[in-house]
Amino acid sequence: MIVFATNNAHKLAEVRQIAGPEAEIKSMSEIGCHDDIPETATTLEGNAKLKACYVSERFGCDCFADDTGLEVEALGGAPGVYSARYAGDGHDSKANMAKLLMQMQGETNRRARFRTVIALSRDGEVKMVEGIVEGKIAETPCGVDGFGYDPIFIPDEGSGLTFAEMTAAEKNAISHRGRAMSKLLDII
């Protein structure tokens, strides 16, 4: 059994699907942790480590946590570590996408990448893995599946669809989180 330090139901479902039924992944609430862990680090690595260690130290369990950022080339890597709070502290995906698309109006360089960093806190040690998927920002949102920036991210691999237009299996096969989880599963 391992705990995934997240309160995001979409991330939890995605990670469980990627890991498959053989991996017993518990949520924070399933171990009695209902804390909202502040993401105060200035890097994806720092936030992932902060969350994994917080749960591991307080609940005495093996724990992993991720932090993911959308890094847009024309915006100097923004929103990056601030992806979930890009339009404000409300973690409002629609507002985040609207802000990003507004900033990208008229921009010809639409190159971007999703990057996920996972920290594993186990036996007093922390190990890090990373998954990256390259792609571009769509002109307008397309699709209804997925979450976050999925309706405006078109991965280079695939059929030219946004992540939100793909099935969960199609997305997980090429996604940043899928790649990072594959590396994590090799460790555990």
N, C-alpha and C. Protein backbone atom coordinates (compact mmCIF):
# COMPACT_ATOMS: atom_id res chain seq x y z
N MET A 1 0.84 -1.18 0.00
CA MET A 1 0.00 0.00 0.00
C MET A 1 0.89 1.24 0.00
N ILE A 2 0.49 2.21 -0.83
CA ILE A 2 1.19 3.48 -0.89
C ILE A 2 0.15 4.59 -0.99
N VAL A 3 0.47 5.74 -0.45
CA VAL A 3 -0.46 6.86 -0.44
C VAL A 3 -0.06 7.87 -1.51
N PHE A 4 -1.05 8.39 -2.21
CA PHE A 4 -0.85 9.47 -3.17
C PHE A 4 -1.32 10.75 -2.51
N ALA A 5 -0.40 11.67 -2.27
CA ALA A 5 -0.71 12.92 -1.56
C ALA A 5 -1.37 13.92 -2.50
N THR A 6 -2.66 13.77 -2.66
CA THR A 6 -3.42 14.72 -3.47
C THR A 6 -4.85 14.79 -2.95
N ASN A 7 -5.46 15.95 -3.14
CA ASN A 7 -6.88 16.11 -2.88
C ASN A 7 -7.65 16.21 -4.20
N ASN A 8 -6.94 16.05 -5.31
CA ASN A 8 -7.53 16.18 -6.64
C ASN A 8 -8.08 14.83 -7.09
N ALA A 9 -9.40 14.71 -7.13
CA ALA A 9 -10.04 13.44 -7.50
C ALA A 9 -9.69 13.02 -8.92
N HIS A 10 -9.53 13.99 -9.84
CA HIS A 10 -9.17 13.66 -11.22
C HIS A 10 -7.79 13.04 -11.29
N LYS A 11 -6.82 13.63 -10.57
CA LYS A 11 -5.46 13.08 -10.55
C LYS A 11 -5.45 11.68 -9.94
N LEU A 12 -6.19 11.50 -8.84
CA LEU A 12 -6.23 10.21 -8.17
C LEU A 12 -6.78 9.13 -9.11
N ALA A 13 -7.87 9.42 -9.79
CA ALA A 13 -8.46 8.45 -10.72
C ALA A 13 -7.49 8.15 -11.86
N GLU A 14 -6.84 9.17 -12.38
CA GLU A 14 -5.90 8.98 -13.48
C GLU A 14 -4.73 8.10 -13.04
N VAL A 15 -4.17 8.38 -11.87
CA VAL A 15 -3.02 7.61 -11.37
C VAL A 15 -3.42 6.16 -11.10
N ARG A 16 -4.58 5.95 -10.52
CA ARG A 16 -5.04 4.57 -10.28
C ARG A 16 -5.22 3.82 -11.59
N GLN A 17 -5.73 4.49 -12.61
CA GLN A 17 -5.91 3.83 -13.90
C GLN A 17 -4.56 3.49 -14.52
N ILE A 18 -3.61 4.41 -14.43
CA ILE A 18 -2.27 4.17 -14.98
C ILE A 18 -1.59 3.01 -14.25
N ALA A 19 -1.69 2.99 -12.92
CA ALA A 19 -1.00 1.97 -12.12
C ALA A 19 -1.63 0.60 -12.26
N GLY A 20 -2.92 0.55 -12.51
CA GLY A 20 -3.60 -0.74 -12.65
C GLY A 20 -4.01 -1.32 -11.32
N PRO A 21 -4.78 -2.40 -11.37
CA PRO A 21 -5.36 -2.98 -10.15
C PRO A 21 -4.34 -3.62 -9.21
N GLU A 22 -3.17 -3.94 -9.70
CA GLU A 22 -2.17 -4.61 -8.85
C GLU A 22 -1.53 -3.65 -7.85
N ALA A 23 -1.61 -2.35 -8.10
CA ALA A 23 -1.03 -1.37 -7.18
C ALA A 23 -2.13 -0.84 -6.26
N GLU A 24 -1.89 -0.96 -4.95
CA GLU A 24 -2.86 -0.45 -3.98
C GLU A 24 -2.49 0.98 -3.61
N ILE A 25 -3.17 1.93 -4.24
CA ILE A 25 -2.90 3.35 -4.02
C ILE A 25 -4.04 3.93 -3.22
N LYS A 26 -3.70 4.43 -2.04
CA LYS A 26 -4.69 5.04 -1.15
C LYS A 26 -4.67 6.56 -1.32
N SER A 27 -5.81 7.16 -1.13
CA SER A 27 -5.88 8.62 -1.15
C SER A 27 -5.56 9.16 0.24
N MET A 28 -5.35 10.45 0.32
CA MET A 28 -5.10 11.07 1.62
C MET A 28 -6.29 10.87 2.55
N SER A 29 -7.49 11.03 2.04
CA SER A 29 -8.68 10.90 2.89
C SER A 29 -8.85 9.47 3.39
N GLU A 30 -8.41 8.50 2.60
CA GLU A 30 -8.53 7.09 3.02
C GLU A 30 -7.62 6.74 4.19
N ILE A 31 -6.60 7.58 4.45
CA ILE A 31 -5.75 7.33 5.63
C ILE A 31 -6.06 8.35 6.73
N GLY A 32 -7.10 9.14 6.53
CA GLY A 32 -7.52 10.10 7.55
C GLY A 32 -6.82 11.44 7.47
N CYS A 33 -6.18 11.73 6.36
CA CYS A 33 -5.52 13.02 6.18
C CYS A 33 -6.43 13.92 5.34
N HIS A 34 -6.92 14.96 5.95
CA HIS A 34 -7.82 15.89 5.26
C HIS A 34 -7.19 17.28 5.16
N ASP A 35 -5.87 17.34 5.35
CA ASP A 35 -5.16 18.60 5.33
C ASP A 35 -5.03 19.13 3.90
N ASP A 36 -5.05 20.42 3.77
CA ASP A 36 -4.75 21.07 2.51
C ASP A 36 -3.29 21.49 2.59
N ILE A 37 -2.42 20.73 1.96
CA ILE A 37 -0.99 20.96 2.07
C ILE A 37 -0.61 22.14 1.17
N PRO A 38 -0.10 23.22 1.76
CA PRO A 38 0.28 24.39 0.96
C PRO A 38 1.43 24.07 0.02
N GLU A 39 1.29 24.49 -1.23
CA GLU A 39 2.35 24.32 -2.22
C GLU A 39 3.14 25.62 -2.27
N THR A 40 4.12 25.74 -1.39
CA THR A 40 4.85 27.00 -1.22
C THR A 40 6.21 27.03 -1.92
N ALA A 41 6.61 25.92 -2.52
CA ALA A 41 7.90 25.88 -3.21
C ALA A 41 7.80 26.63 -4.54
N THR A 42 8.94 26.99 -5.08
CA THR A 42 8.98 27.73 -6.34
C THR A 42 9.31 26.84 -7.53
N THR A 43 9.38 25.52 -7.29
CA THR A 43 9.64 24.57 -8.36
C THR A 43 8.67 23.40 -8.25
N LEU A 44 8.47 22.70 -9.35
CA LEU A 44 7.64 21.49 -9.32
C LEU A 44 8.27 20.46 -8.38
N GLU A 45 9.58 20.32 -8.45
CA GLU A 45 10.29 19.37 -7.59
C GLU A 45 10.06 19.68 -6.12
N GLY A 46 10.18 20.95 -5.77
CA GLY A 46 10.00 21.37 -4.38
C GLY A 46 8.61 21.09 -3.86
N ASN A 47 7.58 21.38 -4.66
CA ASN A 47 6.20 21.12 -4.22
C ASN A 47 5.92 19.63 -4.09
N ALA A 48 6.41 18.83 -5.03
CA ALA A 48 6.19 17.38 -4.95
C ALA A 48 6.84 16.82 -3.68
N LYS A 49 8.06 17.22 -3.41
CA LYS A 49 8.77 16.74 -2.22
C LYS A 49 8.07 17.20 -0.95
N LEU A 50 7.65 18.45 -0.90
CA LEU A 50 6.97 19.01 0.26
C LEU A 50 5.73 18.17 0.61
N LYS A 51 4.91 17.87 -0.39
CA LYS A 51 3.66 17.13 -0.15
C LYS A 51 3.93 15.67 0.25
N ALA A 52 4.86 15.02 -0.43
CA ALA A 52 5.15 13.61 -0.12
C ALA A 52 5.70 13.47 1.30
N CYS A 53 6.62 14.35 1.66
CA CYS A 53 7.22 14.28 3.00
C CYS A 53 6.22 14.65 4.09
N TYR A 54 5.35 15.60 3.83
CA TYR A 54 4.33 16.01 4.79
C TYR A 54 3.49 14.81 5.21
N VAL A 55 2.97 14.08 4.25
CA VAL A 55 2.10 12.94 4.56
C VAL A 55 2.91 11.79 5.15
N SER A 56 4.06 11.50 4.57
CA SER A 56 4.89 10.40 5.05
C SER A 56 5.31 10.58 6.50
N GLU A 57 5.73 11.79 6.85
CA GLU A 57 6.20 12.07 8.21
C GLU A 57 5.06 12.07 9.22
N ARG A 58 3.91 12.59 8.85
CA ARG A 58 2.80 12.69 9.81
C ARG A 58 2.00 11.40 9.97
N PHE A 59 2.00 10.57 8.92
CA PHE A 59 1.18 9.36 8.97
C PHE A 59 2.00 8.08 8.93
N GLY A 60 3.32 8.18 8.87
CA GLY A 60 4.20 7.02 8.94
C GLY A 60 3.98 6.02 7.82
N CYS A 61 3.80 6.51 6.60
CA CYS A 61 3.54 5.63 5.47
C CYS A 61 4.39 6.04 4.27
N ASP A 62 4.55 5.10 3.35
CA ASP A 62 5.18 5.44 2.09
C ASP A 62 4.21 6.33 1.33
N CYS A 63 4.73 7.37 0.71
CA CYS A 63 3.86 8.34 0.06
C CYS A 63 4.55 8.92 -1.17
N PHE A 64 3.76 9.16 -2.20
CA PHE A 64 4.27 9.91 -3.34
C PHE A 64 3.33 11.07 -3.61
N ALA A 65 3.91 12.10 -4.23
CA ALA A 65 3.14 13.28 -4.60
C ALA A 65 3.68 13.80 -5.91
N ASP A 66 2.81 14.46 -6.64
CA ASP A 66 3.27 15.04 -7.89
C ASP A 66 3.00 16.53 -7.91
N ASP A 67 3.70 17.20 -8.79
CA ASP A 67 3.34 18.56 -9.16
C ASP A 67 3.55 18.62 -10.66
N THR A 68 2.61 19.26 -11.32
CA THR A 68 2.62 19.32 -12.77
C THR A 68 2.51 20.76 -13.21
N GLY A 69 3.22 21.08 -14.27
CA GLY A 69 3.14 22.42 -14.83
C GLY A 69 3.06 22.38 -16.34
N LEU A 70 2.31 23.31 -16.88
CA LEU A 70 2.28 23.54 -18.32
C LEU A 70 3.28 24.65 -18.59
N GLU A 71 4.27 24.36 -19.41
CA GLU A 71 5.34 25.32 -19.70
C GLU A 71 5.23 25.75 -21.15
N VAL A 72 4.85 27.00 -21.36
CA VAL A 72 4.61 27.54 -22.69
C VAL A 72 5.83 28.35 -23.13
N GLU A 73 6.40 27.97 -24.25
CA GLU A 73 7.64 28.59 -24.74
C GLU A 73 7.50 30.10 -24.92
N ALA A 74 6.44 30.56 -25.58
CA ALA A 74 6.26 31.98 -25.86
C ALA A 74 6.05 32.81 -24.60
N LEU A 75 5.70 32.14 -23.50
CA LEU A 75 5.48 32.84 -22.23
C LEU A 75 6.65 32.63 -21.27
N GLY A 76 7.80 32.25 -21.82
CA GLY A 76 8.99 32.08 -21.00
C GLY A 76 8.88 30.94 -19.99
N GLY A 77 8.07 29.92 -20.32
CA GLY A 77 7.89 28.77 -19.42
C GLY A 77 6.70 28.89 -18.50
N ALA A 78 6.01 30.02 -18.53
CA ALA A 78 4.80 30.18 -17.71
C ALA A 78 3.66 29.35 -18.33
N PRO A 79 2.70 28.96 -17.56
CA PRO A 79 2.53 29.24 -16.14
C PRO A 79 3.38 28.36 -15.22
N GLY A 80 3.95 27.25 -15.73
CA GLY A 80 4.88 26.44 -14.95
C GLY A 80 4.35 26.01 -13.60
N VAL A 81 5.14 26.26 -12.56
CA VAL A 81 4.78 25.83 -11.21
C VAL A 81 3.48 26.48 -10.72
N TYR A 82 3.07 27.56 -11.36
CA TYR A 82 1.84 28.26 -10.96
C TYR A 82 0.64 27.87 -11.83
N SER A 83 0.72 26.78 -12.57
CA SER A 83 -0.33 26.38 -13.50
C SER A 83 -1.70 26.29 -12.87
N ALA A 84 -1.82 25.69 -11.69
CA ALA A 84 -3.13 25.51 -11.06
C ALA A 84 -3.70 26.82 -10.53
N ARG A 85 -2.83 27.79 -10.29
CA ARG A 85 -3.26 29.08 -9.71
C ARG A 85 -2.99 30.24 -10.67
N TYR A 86 -2.92 29.97 -11.95
CA TYR A 86 -2.51 30.97 -12.93
C TYR A 86 -3.44 32.18 -12.95
N ALA A 87 -4.73 31.95 -12.85
CA ALA A 87 -5.70 33.05 -12.88
C ALA A 87 -6.15 33.46 -11.49
N GLY A 88 -5.52 32.92 -10.46
CA GLY A 88 -5.88 33.24 -9.07
C GLY A 88 -5.84 32.00 -8.22
N ASP A 89 -6.05 32.18 -6.93
CA ASP A 89 -5.93 31.07 -5.98
C ASP A 89 -7.06 30.05 -6.03
N GLY A 90 -8.07 30.28 -6.83
CA GLY A 90 -9.24 29.41 -6.85
C GLY A 90 -9.09 28.09 -7.57
N HIS A 91 -7.94 27.82 -8.19
CA HIS A 91 -7.74 26.58 -8.95
C HIS A 91 -8.86 26.40 -9.98
N ASP A 92 -9.17 27.45 -10.70
CA ASP A 92 -10.26 27.46 -11.67
C ASP A 92 -9.70 27.17 -13.06
N SER A 93 -9.91 25.95 -13.54
CA SER A 93 -9.33 25.53 -14.82
C SER A 93 -9.80 26.39 -15.98
N LYS A 94 -11.08 26.73 -16.01
CA LYS A 94 -11.60 27.55 -17.12
C LYS A 94 -10.96 28.93 -17.11
N ALA A 95 -10.84 29.53 -15.94
CA ALA A 95 -10.20 30.85 -15.84
C ALA A 95 -8.72 30.76 -16.22
N ASN A 96 -8.04 29.69 -15.81
CA ASN A 96 -6.63 29.51 -16.16
C ASN A 96 -6.46 29.41 -17.67
N MET A 97 -7.32 28.60 -18.32
CA MET A 97 -7.24 28.45 -19.78
C MET A 97 -7.55 29.77 -20.47
N ALA A 98 -8.57 30.48 -20.00
CA ALA A 98 -8.95 31.76 -20.62
C ALA A 98 -7.79 32.75 -20.54
N LYS A 99 -7.13 32.82 -19.40
CA LYS A 99 -6.00 33.73 -19.24
C LYS A 99 -4.87 33.36 -20.19
N LEU A 100 -4.56 32.07 -20.25
CA LEU A 100 -3.48 31.62 -21.12
C LEU A 100 -3.80 31.90 -22.58
N LEU A 101 -5.02 31.59 -23.01
CA LEU A 101 -5.40 31.83 -24.41
C LEU A 101 -5.39 33.32 -24.73
N MET A 102 -5.79 34.16 -23.79
CA MET A 102 -5.74 35.60 -24.00
C MET A 102 -4.30 36.05 -24.22
N GLN A 103 -3.38 35.52 -23.41
CA GLN A 103 -1.97 35.90 -23.54
C GLN A 103 -1.35 35.36 -24.83
N MET A 104 -1.94 34.32 -25.38
CA MET A 104 -1.41 33.70 -26.59
C MET A 104 -2.03 34.26 -27.87
N GLN A 105 -2.98 35.18 -27.75
CA GLN A 105 -3.62 35.76 -28.94
C GLN A 105 -2.57 36.39 -29.85
N GLY A 106 -2.61 35.99 -31.12
CA GLY A 106 -1.69 36.52 -32.11
C GLY A 106 -0.30 35.91 -32.07
N GLU A 107 -0.06 35.02 -31.14
CA GLU A 107 1.27 34.38 -30.99
C GLU A 107 1.38 33.23 -31.99
N THR A 108 2.45 33.23 -32.78
CA THR A 108 2.64 32.14 -33.75
C THR A 108 3.40 30.96 -33.13
N ASN A 109 4.25 31.23 -32.14
CA ASN A 109 4.95 30.14 -31.46
C ASN A 109 4.03 29.59 -30.38
N ARG A 110 3.45 28.43 -30.63
CA ARG A 110 2.49 27.84 -29.70
C ARG A 110 3.08 26.60 -29.01
N ARG A 111 4.40 26.44 -29.09
CA ARG A 111 5.08 25.29 -28.48
C ARG A 111 4.90 25.30 -26.97
N ALA A 112 4.65 24.12 -26.42
CA ALA A 112 4.47 23.98 -24.97
C ALA A 112 4.79 22.54 -24.58
N ARG A 113 4.91 22.35 -23.29
CA ARG A 113 5.09 20.99 -22.78
C ARG A 113 4.45 20.90 -21.40
N PHE A 114 3.96 19.71 -21.12
CA PHE A 114 3.51 19.39 -19.78
C PHE A 114 4.66 18.65 -19.10
N ARG A 115 4.94 19.02 -17.86
CA ARG A 115 5.99 18.34 -17.10
C ARG A 115 5.44 17.96 -15.73
N THR A 116 5.57 16.69 -15.40
CA THR A 116 5.16 16.18 -14.09
C THR A 116 6.39 15.68 -13.35
N VAL A 117 6.52 16.10 -12.10
CA VAL A 117 7.57 15.60 -11.22
C VAL A 117 6.87 14.85 -10.09
N ILE A 118 7.33 13.64 -9.82
CA ILE A 118 6.81 12.85 -8.71
C ILE A 118 7.92 12.63 -7.70
N ALA A 119 7.61 12.90 -6.44
CA ALA A 119 8.53 12.62 -5.33
C ALA A 119 7.98 11.44 -4.56
N LEU A 120 8.82 10.48 -4.26
CA LEU A 120 8.47 9.32 -3.46
C LEU A 120 9.22 9.42 -2.14
N SER A 121 8.47 9.46 -1.04
CA SER A 121 9.06 9.47 0.29
C SER A 121 8.85 8.08 0.89
N ARG A 122 9.97 7.37 1.05
CA ARG A 122 9.90 5.99 1.55
C ARG A 122 11.14 5.68 2.37
N ASP A 123 10.92 5.16 3.56
CA ASP A 123 12.03 4.76 4.43
C ASP A 123 13.01 5.90 4.68
N GLY A 124 12.49 7.11 4.85
CA GLY A 124 13.32 8.26 5.17
C GLY A 124 14.10 8.83 3.99
N GLU A 125 13.85 8.31 2.79
CA GLU A 125 14.53 8.80 1.59
C GLU A 125 13.50 9.37 0.63
N VAL A 126 13.95 10.30 -0.20
CA VAL A 126 13.09 10.87 -1.23
C VAL A 126 13.74 10.62 -2.59
N LYS A 127 12.96 10.05 -3.50
CA LYS A 127 13.42 9.84 -4.87
C LYS A 127 12.49 10.60 -5.79
N MET A 128 13.05 11.13 -6.87
CA MET A 128 12.28 11.93 -7.83
C MET A 128 12.30 11.29 -9.21
N VAL A 129 11.17 11.37 -9.90
CA VAL A 129 11.08 10.98 -11.30
C VAL A 129 10.33 12.08 -12.04
N GLU A 130 10.48 12.09 -13.36
CA GLU A 130 9.88 13.15 -14.16
C GLU A 130 9.30 12.57 -15.44
N GLY A 131 8.21 13.15 -15.89
CA GLY A 131 7.62 12.80 -17.18
C GLY A 131 7.30 14.07 -17.95
N ILE A 132 7.63 14.06 -19.24
CA ILE A 132 7.41 15.24 -20.09
C ILE A 132 6.71 14.82 -21.37
N VAL A 133 5.77 15.64 -21.81
CA VAL A 133 5.17 15.46 -23.14
C VAL A 133 5.20 16.81 -23.84
N GLU A 134 5.74 16.80 -25.05
CA GLU A 134 5.85 18.01 -25.86
C GLU A 134 4.59 18.18 -26.70
N GLY A 135 4.25 19.43 -27.00
CA GLY A 135 3.09 19.68 -27.83
C GLY A 135 2.93 21.14 -28.13
N LYS A 136 1.67 21.54 -28.32
CA LYS A 136 1.38 22.94 -28.63
C LYS A 136 0.04 23.33 -28.03
N ILE A 137 -0.17 24.64 -27.95
CA ILE A 137 -1.41 25.18 -27.42
C ILE A 137 -2.39 25.38 -28.58
N ALA A 138 -3.60 24.86 -28.42
CA ALA A 138 -4.65 25.02 -29.42
C ALA A 138 -5.14 26.46 -29.43
N GLU A 139 -5.78 26.86 -30.50
CA GLU A 139 -6.36 28.20 -30.62
C GLU A 139 -7.58 28.35 -29.71
N THR A 140 -8.37 27.27 -29.60
CA THR A 140 -9.58 27.27 -28.78
C THR A 140 -9.70 25.93 -28.07
N PRO A 141 -10.40 25.88 -26.94
CA PRO A 141 -10.59 24.61 -26.24
C PRO A 141 -11.42 23.62 -27.08
N CYS A 142 -11.02 22.35 -27.01
CA CYS A 142 -11.73 21.28 -27.71
C CYS A 142 -11.76 20.04 -26.82
N GLY A 143 -12.92 19.41 -26.72
CA GLY A 143 -13.06 18.18 -25.96
C GLY A 143 -13.61 18.41 -24.58
N VAL A 144 -14.13 17.33 -24.01
CA VAL A 144 -14.78 17.43 -22.70
C VAL A 144 -14.16 16.51 -21.65
N ASP A 145 -13.26 15.64 -22.04
CA ASP A 145 -12.64 14.74 -21.06
C ASP A 145 -11.40 15.39 -20.48
N GLY A 146 -10.81 14.72 -19.50
CA GLY A 146 -9.60 15.24 -18.89
C GLY A 146 -9.92 16.36 -17.92
N PHE A 147 -8.90 17.13 -17.56
CA PHE A 147 -9.06 18.23 -16.62
C PHE A 147 -7.92 19.22 -16.81
N GLY A 148 -7.98 20.33 -16.10
CA GLY A 148 -6.93 21.33 -16.20
C GLY A 148 -6.86 21.92 -17.60
N TYR A 149 -5.67 21.93 -18.16
CA TYR A 149 -5.44 22.51 -19.48
C TYR A 149 -5.66 21.51 -20.62
N ASP A 150 -6.16 20.33 -20.34
CA ASP A 150 -6.33 19.29 -21.36
C ASP A 150 -7.08 19.76 -22.61
N PRO A 151 -8.11 20.62 -22.51
CA PRO A 151 -8.82 21.05 -23.72
C PRO A 151 -8.02 21.95 -24.66
N ILE A 152 -6.87 22.46 -24.22
CA ILE A 152 -6.09 23.34 -25.11
C ILE A 152 -4.68 22.81 -25.39
N PHE A 153 -4.37 21.59 -24.94
CA PHE A 153 -3.03 21.03 -25.18
C PHE A 153 -3.12 19.91 -26.21
N ILE A 154 -2.37 20.08 -27.30
CA ILE A 154 -2.30 19.08 -28.36
C ILE A 154 -0.90 18.46 -28.32
N PRO A 155 -0.79 17.20 -27.90
CA PRO A 155 0.54 16.57 -27.84
C PRO A 155 1.07 16.30 -29.25
N ASP A 156 2.40 16.33 -29.38
CA ASP A 156 3.03 16.03 -30.67
C ASP A 156 2.71 14.60 -31.10
N GLU A 157 2.70 13.70 -30.13
CA GLU A 157 2.36 12.30 -30.42
C GLU A 157 0.84 12.18 -30.44
N GLY A 158 0.35 11.32 -31.27
CA GLY A 158 -1.10 11.16 -31.31
C GLY A 158 -1.68 11.64 -32.62
N SER A 159 -2.95 11.90 -32.61
CA SER A 159 -3.68 12.15 -33.84
C SER A 159 -4.05 13.62 -34.05
N GLY A 160 -3.40 14.52 -33.37
CA GLY A 160 -3.72 15.93 -33.51
C GLY A 160 -4.87 16.38 -32.63
N LEU A 161 -5.31 15.51 -31.75
CA LEU A 161 -6.39 15.83 -30.82
C LEU A 161 -5.83 16.45 -29.56
N THR A 162 -6.65 17.24 -28.86
CA THR A 162 -6.26 17.70 -27.54
C THR A 162 -6.36 16.53 -26.57
N PHE A 163 -5.72 16.66 -25.42
CA PHE A 163 -5.86 15.63 -24.39
C PHE A 163 -7.33 15.42 -24.03
N ALA A 164 -8.13 16.48 -24.03
CA ALA A 164 -9.54 16.39 -23.65
C ALA A 164 -10.40 15.68 -24.69
N GLU A 165 -9.87 15.53 -25.92
CA GLU A 165 -10.59 14.80 -26.96
C GLU A 165 -10.23 13.32 -26.99
N MET A 166 -9.21 12.94 -26.24
CA MET A 166 -8.74 11.55 -26.22
C MET A 166 -9.47 10.76 -25.14
N THR A 167 -9.48 9.44 -25.30
CA THR A 167 -9.96 8.60 -24.22
C THR A 167 -8.91 8.63 -23.12
N ALA A 168 -9.29 8.22 -21.94
CA ALA A 168 -8.33 8.18 -20.82
C ALA A 168 -7.15 7.28 -21.16
N ALA A 169 -7.41 6.15 -21.79
CA ALA A 169 -6.33 5.21 -22.14
C ALA A 169 -5.38 5.83 -23.16
N GLU A 170 -5.92 6.54 -24.16
CA GLU A 170 -5.07 7.18 -25.17
C GLU A 170 -4.20 8.26 -24.52
N LYS A 171 -4.79 9.06 -23.67
CA LYS A 171 -4.04 10.13 -23.00
C LYS A 171 -2.97 9.53 -22.09
N ASN A 172 -3.34 8.58 -21.25
CA ASN A 172 -2.40 8.00 -20.29
C ASN A 172 -1.22 7.32 -20.96
N ALA A 173 -1.41 6.81 -22.17
CA ALA A 173 -0.33 6.13 -22.89
C ALA A 173 0.79 7.08 -23.29
N ILE A 174 0.48 8.38 -23.44
CA ILE A 174 1.50 9.32 -23.91
C ILE A 174 1.70 10.52 -22.98
N SER A 175 0.93 10.59 -21.90
CA SER A 175 0.95 11.80 -21.07
C SER A 175 2.17 11.91 -20.18
N HIS A 176 2.40 13.12 -19.73
CA HIS A 176 3.46 13.45 -18.77
C HIS A 176 3.29 12.66 -17.48
N ARG A 177 2.06 12.60 -16.96
CA ARG A 177 1.81 11.87 -15.71
C ARG A 177 1.99 10.37 -15.93
N GLY A 178 1.54 9.88 -17.08
CA GLY A 178 1.72 8.46 -17.40
C GLY A 178 3.19 8.08 -17.46
N ARG A 179 4.00 8.94 -18.06
CA ARG A 179 5.44 8.67 -18.16
C ARG A 179 6.12 8.72 -16.79
N ALA A 180 5.74 9.69 -15.98
CA ALA A 180 6.32 9.78 -14.64
C ALA A 180 5.87 8.59 -13.79
N MET A 181 4.60 8.21 -13.89
CA MET A 181 4.09 7.07 -13.11
C MET A 181 4.78 5.78 -13.52
N SER A 182 5.06 5.61 -14.80
CA SER A 182 5.76 4.42 -15.26
C SER A 182 7.14 4.31 -14.59
N LYS A 183 7.83 5.43 -14.48
CA LYS A 183 9.13 5.44 -13.81
C LYS A 183 8.98 5.16 -12.32
N LEU A 184 7.92 5.73 -11.70
CA LEU A 184 7.68 5.49 -10.28
C LEU A 184 7.39 4.01 -10.03
N LEU A 185 6.56 3.42 -10.86
CA LEU A 185 6.20 2.01 -10.68
C LEU A 185 7.41 1.10 -10.80
N ASP A 186 8.39 1.49 -11.63
CA ASP A 186 9.63 0.72 -11.72
C ASP A 186 10.41 0.75 -10.41
N ILE A 187 10.30 1.86 -9.67
CA ILE A 187 11.01 2.01 -8.39
C ILE A 187 10.31 1.22 -7.29
N ILE A 188 8.98 1.31 -7.25
CA ILE A 188 8.25 0.64 -6.18
C ILE A 188 7.87 -0.76 -6.56
